[in-house]
Amino acid sequence: MTLFLTPVIAAIVLGIIGAVVEGLFYPLTIGIVVLVAALVHLGMHLRRSGRRSRALR
């Protein structure tokens, strides 16, 4: 979960900096890219962990 929360927090901070500071559009863009990458990583992790094979009895 740490591998998901750390990039999300970084994306939020970069998004706030990019939105507040005038003339700095690239932190907002980087924040959006990091957030999308974190969501893709979470989706892949959830999909992979949901496919546990069960032994037949």
N, C-alpha and C. Protein backbone atom coordinates (compact mmCIF):
# COMPACT_ATOMS: atom_id res chain seq x y z
N MET A 1 0.83 -1.19 0.00
CA MET A 1 0.00 0.00 0.00
C MET A 1 0.87 1.25 0.00
N THR A 2 2.06 1.15 0.55
CA THR A 2 2.96 2.29 0.56
C THR A 2 3.37 2.67 -0.86
N LEU A 3 3.53 1.66 -1.72
CA LEU A 3 3.90 1.94 -3.10
C LEU A 3 2.79 2.65 -3.86
N PHE A 4 1.60 2.63 -3.34
CA PHE A 4 0.50 3.36 -3.95
C PHE A 4 0.33 4.74 -3.32
N LEU A 5 0.41 4.83 -2.01
CA LEU A 5 0.13 6.09 -1.33
C LEU A 5 1.21 7.15 -1.53
N THR A 6 2.46 6.73 -1.58
CA THR A 6 3.55 7.70 -1.75
C THR A 6 3.44 8.46 -3.07
N PRO A 7 3.26 7.79 -4.20
CA PRO A 7 3.09 8.57 -5.45
C PRO A 7 1.82 9.41 -5.48
N VAL A 8 0.77 8.93 -4.83
CA VAL A 8 -0.47 9.70 -4.81
C VAL A 8 -0.27 11.00 -4.02
N ILE A 9 0.40 10.91 -2.89
CA ILE A 9 0.68 12.11 -2.09
C ILE A 9 1.59 13.05 -2.87
N ALA A 10 2.60 12.50 -3.55
CA ALA A 10 3.50 13.33 -4.36
C ALA A 10 2.72 14.00 -5.50
N ALA A 11 1.80 13.28 -6.10
CA ALA A 11 1.00 13.86 -7.18
C ALA A 11 0.11 14.99 -6.68
N ILE A 12 -0.45 14.82 -5.49
CA ILE A 12 -1.29 15.88 -4.92
C ILE A 12 -0.46 17.12 -4.63
N VAL A 13 0.72 16.93 -4.05
CA VAL A 13 1.59 18.08 -3.74
C VAL A 13 2.02 18.78 -5.03
N LEU A 14 2.45 18.01 -6.03
CA LEU A 14 2.85 18.63 -7.30
C LEU A 14 1.68 19.32 -7.98
N GLY A 15 0.50 18.75 -7.87
CA GLY A 15 -0.67 19.39 -8.46
C GLY A 15 -1.01 20.70 -7.79
N ILE A 16 -0.89 20.74 -6.47
CA ILE A 16 -1.16 21.99 -5.74
C ILE A 16 -0.13 23.05 -6.10
N ILE A 17 1.15 22.66 -6.14
CA ILE A 17 2.21 23.61 -6.50
C ILE A 17 1.99 24.13 -7.92
N GLY A 18 1.65 23.21 -8.84
CA GLY A 18 1.44 23.63 -10.23
C GLY A 18 0.23 24.52 -10.40
N ALA A 19 -0.78 24.34 -9.57
CA ALA A 19 -1.99 25.15 -9.69
C ALA A 19 -1.84 26.51 -9.01
N VAL A 20 -1.06 26.57 -7.94
CA VAL A 20 -0.96 27.81 -7.16
C VAL A 20 0.10 28.75 -7.73
N VAL A 21 1.27 28.23 -8.04
CA VAL A 21 2.36 29.07 -8.52
C VAL A 21 2.14 29.39 -9.99
N GLU A 22 2.07 30.65 -10.28
CA GLU A 22 1.79 31.08 -11.64
C GLU A 22 3.03 30.87 -12.52
N GLY A 23 2.82 30.30 -13.68
CA GLY A 23 3.93 30.07 -14.60
C GLY A 23 4.56 28.70 -14.46
N LEU A 24 4.12 27.91 -13.49
CA LEU A 24 4.68 26.56 -13.32
C LEU A 24 3.61 25.53 -13.67
N PHE A 25 3.51 25.24 -14.94
CA PHE A 25 2.51 24.28 -15.39
C PHE A 25 3.05 22.85 -15.35
N TYR A 26 4.39 22.70 -15.42
CA TYR A 26 4.95 21.36 -15.49
C TYR A 26 4.78 20.55 -14.20
N PRO A 27 4.79 21.12 -12.98
CA PRO A 27 4.52 20.27 -11.81
C PRO A 27 3.10 19.70 -11.82
N LEU A 28 2.15 20.47 -12.33
CA LEU A 28 0.79 19.97 -12.45
C LEU A 28 0.73 18.81 -13.44
N THR A 29 1.41 18.94 -14.55
CA THR A 29 1.46 17.87 -15.54
C THR A 29 2.14 16.63 -14.98
N ILE A 30 3.25 16.80 -14.30
CA ILE A 30 3.95 15.67 -13.70
C ILE A 30 3.09 15.02 -12.63
N GLY A 31 2.38 15.81 -11.86
CA GLY A 31 1.50 15.28 -10.83
C GLY A 31 0.39 14.42 -11.43
N ILE A 32 -0.18 14.87 -12.54
CA ILE A 32 -1.24 14.10 -13.20
C ILE A 32 -0.68 12.79 -13.73
N VAL A 33 0.51 12.83 -14.33
CA VAL A 33 1.13 11.61 -14.85
C VAL A 33 1.44 10.63 -13.73
N VAL A 34 1.95 11.12 -12.61
CA VAL A 34 2.26 10.25 -11.47
C VAL A 34 0.99 9.65 -10.90
N LEU A 35 -0.07 10.43 -10.81
CA LEU A 35 -1.34 9.92 -10.30
C LEU A 35 -1.91 8.82 -11.20
N VAL A 36 -1.86 9.03 -12.49
CA VAL A 36 -2.34 8.01 -13.43
C VAL A 36 -1.50 6.74 -13.33
N ALA A 37 -0.18 6.90 -13.22
CA ALA A 37 0.70 5.73 -13.09
C ALA A 37 0.41 4.97 -11.80
N ALA A 38 0.15 5.68 -10.71
CA ALA A 38 -0.17 5.02 -9.44
C ALA A 38 -1.50 4.27 -9.53
N LEU A 39 -2.48 4.85 -10.20
CA LEU A 39 -3.77 4.18 -10.35
C LEU A 39 -3.65 2.94 -11.24
N VAL A 40 -2.84 3.01 -12.29
CA VAL A 40 -2.61 1.84 -13.13
C VAL A 40 -1.91 0.75 -12.34
N HIS A 41 -0.93 1.14 -11.54
CA HIS A 41 -0.21 0.17 -10.70
C HIS A 41 -1.17 -0.49 -9.71
N LEU A 42 -2.05 0.27 -9.10
CA LEU A 42 -3.02 -0.29 -8.16
C LEU A 42 -3.98 -1.24 -8.88
N GLY A 43 -4.44 -0.86 -10.06
CA GLY A 43 -5.33 -1.72 -10.82
C GLY A 43 -4.67 -3.04 -11.20
N MET A 44 -3.41 -3.00 -11.60
CA MET A 44 -2.70 -4.23 -11.94
C MET A 44 -2.51 -5.10 -10.70
N HIS A 45 -2.23 -4.47 -9.59
CA HIS A 45 -2.02 -5.22 -8.35
C HIS A 45 -3.32 -5.89 -7.88
N LEU A 46 -4.42 -5.18 -7.96
CA LEU A 46 -5.70 -5.75 -7.54
C LEU A 46 -6.14 -6.87 -8.48
N ARG A 47 -5.91 -6.70 -9.76
CA ARG A 47 -6.30 -7.73 -10.72
C ARG A 47 -5.47 -9.00 -10.51
N ARG A 48 -4.18 -8.82 -10.24
CA ARG A 48 -3.30 -9.97 -10.05
C ARG A 48 -3.60 -10.70 -8.75
N SER A 49 -3.92 -9.96 -7.68
CA SER A 49 -4.16 -10.60 -6.39
C SER A 49 -5.53 -11.26 -6.34
N GLY A 50 -6.43 -10.94 -7.24
CA GLY A 50 -7.75 -11.53 -7.25
C GLY A 50 -7.80 -12.89 -7.93
N ARG A 51 -6.74 -13.28 -8.59
CA ARG A 51 -6.72 -14.54 -9.34
C ARG A 51 -5.93 -15.62 -8.59
N ARG A 52 -6.28 -15.88 -7.40
CA ARG A 52 -5.59 -16.94 -6.66
C ARG A 52 -6.24 -18.27 -7.00
N SER A 53 -5.40 -19.22 -7.33
CA SER A 53 -5.94 -20.52 -7.70
C SER A 53 -6.28 -21.31 -6.43
N ARG A 54 -7.38 -21.98 -6.49
CA ARG A 54 -7.84 -22.79 -5.36
C ARG A 54 -7.69 -24.26 -5.72
N ALA A 55 -7.23 -25.02 -4.76
CA ALA A 55 -7.10 -26.45 -4.98
C ALA A 55 -8.46 -27.12 -4.88
N LEU A 56 -8.71 -28.03 -5.77
CA LEU A 56 -9.97 -28.78 -5.74
C LEU A 56 -9.89 -29.87 -4.68
N ARG A 57 -10.98 -30.07 -3.97
CA ARG A 57 -10.97 -31.10 -2.92
C ARG A 57 -11.68 -32.33 -3.38
